[in-house]
Amino acid sequence: METSENTIESQIAAILSDIRLKGYSSVQPFSIGQVEERMIQFAKINAITLASNELYMSSKQLQHCMRASKASKGLVVSDADLIGFPQNRFQMELYYDGEFFIYTDGQSKFIIHPNKRRML
């Protein structure tokens, strides 16, 4: 039986493949899981309104991560990191910069908009 993590990972991999082959993907935004407790608690303490209890990813956001301008600056997040993010985020450091939540492992960073509940 396939777990939801495998389904999410497969979905991300399929979107990345679509983008490489066609330049875009028409997959609709999808949940990668619940917002974790440390984000919820920080938001409560600091009066930050979270738009949902789910965290979403979209093909547009993944396409944004792969832009040529990011590659030229050395800011591209690897396919493996993008595919692994839904599960790996729990072991990543989490920061709030006054506008966005930022997950980082010291090499890659993932920016989350608290009012849109999606990765930027």
C-alpha atoms as a PDB file:
ATOM      1  CA  MET A   1       0.000   0.000   0.000  1.00  0.00           C
ATOM      2  CA  GLU A   2       1.321   3.428  -0.945  1.00  0.00           C
ATOM      3  CA  THR A   3       1.590   6.004   1.848  1.00  0.00           C
ATOM      4  CA  SER A   4       0.540   9.631   1.501  1.00  0.00           C
ATOM      5  CA  GLU A   5       4.206  10.678   1.678  1.00  0.00           C
ATOM      6  CA  ASN A   6       4.975   8.526  -1.390  1.00  0.00           C
ATOM      7  CA  THR A   7       1.966   9.994  -3.177  1.00  0.00           C
ATOM      8  CA  ILE A   8       3.129  13.533  -2.379  1.00  0.00           C
ATOM      9  CA  GLU A   9       6.702  12.745  -3.419  1.00  0.00           C
ATOM     10  CA  SER A  10       5.461  11.147  -6.654  1.00  0.00           C
ATOM     11  CA  GLN A  11       3.262  14.148  -7.371  1.00  0.00           C
ATOM     12  CA  ILE A  12       6.153  16.567  -6.902  1.00  0.00           C
ATOM     13  CA  ALA A  13       8.421  14.414  -9.096  1.00  0.00           C
ATOM     14  CA  ALA A  14       5.731  14.300 -11.819  1.00  0.00           C
ATOM     15  CA  ILE A  15       5.350  18.087 -11.727  1.00  0.00           C
ATOM     16  CA  LEU A  16       9.119  18.583 -12.004  1.00  0.00           C
ATOM     17  CA  SER A  17       9.156  16.182 -14.966  1.00  0.00           C
ATOM     18  CA  ASP A  18       6.278  18.073 -16.637  1.00  0.00           C
ATOM     19  CA  ILE A  19       8.099  21.373 -16.197  1.00  0.00           C
ATOM     20  CA  ARG A  20      11.288  19.994 -17.706  1.00  0.00           C
ATOM     21  CA  LEU A  21       9.445  18.411 -20.659  1.00  0.00           C
ATOM     22  CA  LYS A  22       6.769  21.020 -21.400  1.00  0.00           C
ATOM     23  CA  GLY A  23       7.912  24.128 -19.525  1.00  0.00           C
ATOM     24  CA  TYR A  24       4.836  24.005 -17.270  1.00  0.00           C
ATOM     25  CA  SER A  25       2.533  21.655 -15.375  1.00  0.00           C
ATOM     26  CA  SER A  26      -1.234  21.888 -15.079  1.00  0.00           C
ATOM     27  CA  VAL A  27      -1.409  20.013 -11.764  1.00  0.00           C
ATOM     28  CA  GLN A  28      -3.586  21.900  -9.292  1.00  0.00           C
ATOM     29  CA  PRO A  29      -2.198  22.999  -5.883  1.00  0.00           C
ATOM     30  CA  PHE A  30      -2.141  20.131  -3.388  1.00  0.00           C
ATOM     31  CA  SER A  31      -1.667  19.681   0.343  1.00  0.00           C
ATOM     32  CA  ILE A  32       1.694  18.426   1.535  1.00  0.00           C
ATOM     33  CA  GLY A  33       0.415  17.979   5.077  1.00  0.00           C
ATOM     34  CA  GLN A  34      -0.642  19.746   8.229  1.00  0.00           C
ATOM     35  CA  VAL A  35       1.011  22.917   9.451  1.00  0.00           C
ATOM     36  CA  GLU A  36       3.348  21.791  12.182  1.00  0.00           C
ATOM     37  CA  GLU A  37       2.933  22.665  15.840  1.00  0.00           C
ATOM     38  CA  ARG A  38       5.994  24.917  16.144  1.00  0.00           C
ATOM     39  CA  MET A  39       4.638  27.192  13.391  1.00  0.00           C
ATOM     40  CA  ILE A  40       1.174  27.221  14.962  1.00  0.00           C
ATOM     41  CA  GLN A  41       2.544  28.104  18.404  1.00  0.00           C
ATOM     42  CA  PHE A  42       4.796  30.876  17.062  1.00  0.00           C
ATOM     43  CA  ALA A  43       1.872  32.320  15.111  1.00  0.00           C
ATOM     44  CA  LYS A  44      -0.373  32.297  18.184  1.00  0.00           C
ATOM     45  CA  ILE A  45       2.223  33.972  20.402  1.00  0.00           C
ATOM     46  CA  ASN A  46       2.951  36.638  17.780  1.00  0.00           C
ATOM     47  CA  ALA A  47      -0.635  37.269  16.574  1.00  0.00           C
ATOM     48  CA  ILE A  48       0.074  35.947  13.078  1.00  0.00           C
ATOM     49  CA  THR A  49      -3.009  34.711  11.255  1.00  0.00           C
ATOM     50  CA  LEU A  50      -2.516  31.427   9.447  1.00  0.00           C
ATOM     51  CA  ALA A  51      -4.784  30.943   6.445  1.00  0.00           C
ATOM     52  CA  SER A  52      -5.205  27.192   6.912  1.00  0.00           C
ATOM     53  CA  ASN A  53      -4.101  24.211   8.941  1.00  0.00           C
ATOM     54  CA  GLU A  54      -2.719  22.665   5.735  1.00  0.00           C
ATOM     55  CA  LEU A  55       0.445  23.537   3.834  1.00  0.00           C
ATOM     56  CA  TYR A  56       0.135  23.581   0.031  1.00  0.00           C
ATOM     57  CA  MET A  57       2.488  23.285  -2.912  1.00  0.00           C
ATOM     58  CA  SER A  58       1.714  24.186  -6.523  1.00  0.00           C
ATOM     59  CA  SER A  59       3.255  23.574  -9.911  1.00  0.00           C
ATOM     60  CA  LYS A  60       3.668  27.343 -10.320  1.00  0.00           C
ATOM     61  CA  GLN A  61       5.754  27.493  -7.130  1.00  0.00           C
ATOM     62  CA  LEU A  62       7.874  24.546  -8.234  1.00  0.00           C
ATOM     63  CA  GLN A  63       8.383  26.169 -11.624  1.00  0.00           C
ATOM     64  CA  HIS A  64       9.452  29.358  -9.806  1.00  0.00           C
ATOM     65  CA  CYS A  65      12.100  27.327  -7.930  1.00  0.00           C
ATOM     66  CA  MET A  66      13.568  26.156 -11.248  1.00  0.00           C
ATOM     67  CA  ARG A  67      13.868  29.550 -12.999  1.00  0.00           C
ATOM     68  CA  ALA A  68      17.010  30.230 -14.996  1.00  0.00           C
ATOM     69  CA  SER A  69      17.628  33.417 -12.994  1.00  0.00           C
ATOM     70  CA  LYS A  70      17.858  31.323  -9.820  1.00  0.00           C
ATOM     71  CA  ALA A  71      20.302  28.949 -11.513  1.00  0.00           C
ATOM     72  CA  SER A  72      22.554  31.815 -12.577  1.00  0.00           C
ATOM     73  CA  LYS A  73      22.697  32.963  -8.934  1.00  0.00           C
ATOM     74  CA  GLY A  74      23.261  29.458  -7.566  1.00  0.00           C
ATOM     75  CA  LEU A  75      19.900  29.504  -5.774  1.00  0.00           C
ATOM     76  CA  VAL A  76      18.245  26.485  -7.399  1.00  0.00           C
ATOM     77  CA  VAL A  77      16.840  23.930  -4.967  1.00  0.00           C
ATOM     78  CA  SER A  78      17.592  20.394  -6.135  1.00  0.00           C
ATOM     79  CA  ASP A  79      14.843  18.046  -7.272  1.00  0.00           C
ATOM     80  CA  ALA A  80      15.675  15.752  -4.352  1.00  0.00           C
ATOM     81  CA  ASP A  81      15.237  18.619  -1.867  1.00  0.00           C
ATOM     82  CA  LEU A  82      11.939  19.691  -3.448  1.00  0.00           C
ATOM     83  CA  ILE A  83      10.637  16.120  -3.469  1.00  0.00           C
ATOM     84  CA  GLY A  84      11.794  15.522   0.095  1.00  0.00           C
ATOM     85  CA  PHE A  85      10.577  18.807   1.566  1.00  0.00           C
ATOM     86  CA  PRO A  86       7.139  17.602   2.782  1.00  0.00           C
ATOM     87  CA  GLN A  87       8.801  15.061   5.067  1.00  0.00           C
ATOM     88  CA  ASN A  88      12.165  16.736   5.687  1.00  0.00           C
ATOM     89  CA  ARG A  89      10.670  20.049   6.863  1.00  0.00           C
ATOM     90  CA  PHE A  90      10.172  18.588  10.337  1.00  0.00           C
ATOM     91  CA  GLN A  91      13.957  18.313  10.769  1.00  0.00           C
ATOM     92  CA  MET A  92      14.709  21.731   9.260  1.00  0.00           C
ATOM     93  CA  GLU A  93      15.202  24.961  11.145  1.00  0.00           C
ATOM     94  CA  LEU A  94      12.183  27.248  11.044  1.00  0.00           C
ATOM     95  CA  TYR A  95      12.406  31.038  11.171  1.00  0.00           C
ATOM     96  CA  TYR A  96      10.029  33.966  10.781  1.00  0.00           C
ATOM     97  CA  ASP A  97      11.448  37.095   9.142  1.00  0.00           C
ATOM     98  CA  GLY A  98       8.513  39.390   9.938  1.00  0.00           C
ATOM     99  CA  GLU A  99       6.678  38.489   6.736  1.00  0.00           C
ATOM    100  CA  PHE A 100       7.395  34.861   5.835  1.00  0.00           C
ATOM    101  CA  PHE A 101       8.188  31.581   7.565  1.00  0.00           C
ATOM    102  CA  ILE A 102      11.448  30.132   6.286  1.00  0.00           C
ATOM    103  CA  TYR A 103      12.512  26.501   6.475  1.00  0.00           C
ATOM    104  CA  THR A 104      16.218  25.865   5.972  1.00  0.00           C
ATOM    105  CA  ASP A 105      18.685  23.040   6.260  1.00  0.00           C
ATOM    106  CA  GLY A 106      21.690  25.335   5.824  1.00  0.00           C
ATOM    107  CA  GLN A 107      21.833  24.767   2.057  1.00  0.00           C
ATOM    108  CA  SER A 108      18.287  25.089   0.774  1.00  0.00           C
ATOM    109  CA  LYS A 109      15.527  27.346   1.957  1.00  0.00           C
ATOM    110  CA  PHE A 110      11.794  27.167   1.508  1.00  0.00           C
ATOM    111  CA  ILE A 111       9.701  30.273   2.057  1.00  0.00           C
ATOM    112  CA  ILE A 112       6.119  29.969   3.301  1.00  0.00           C
ATOM    113  CA  HIS A 113       3.606  32.808   3.180  1.00  0.00           C
ATOM    114  CA  PRO A 114       1.526  32.533   6.399  1.00  0.00           C
ATOM    115  CA  ASN A 115      -1.620  34.063   4.927  1.00  0.00           C
ATOM    116  CA  LYS A 116      -1.573  31.972   1.762  1.00  0.00           C
ATOM    117  CA  ARG A 117      -0.269  28.717   3.330  1.00  0.00           C
ATOM    118  CA  ARG A 118       1.890  27.934   0.381  1.00  0.00           C
ATOM    119  CA  MET A 119       5.514  27.713  -0.509  1.00  0.00           C
ATOM    120  CA  LEU A 120       7.010  30.636  -2.434  1.00  0.00           C
END
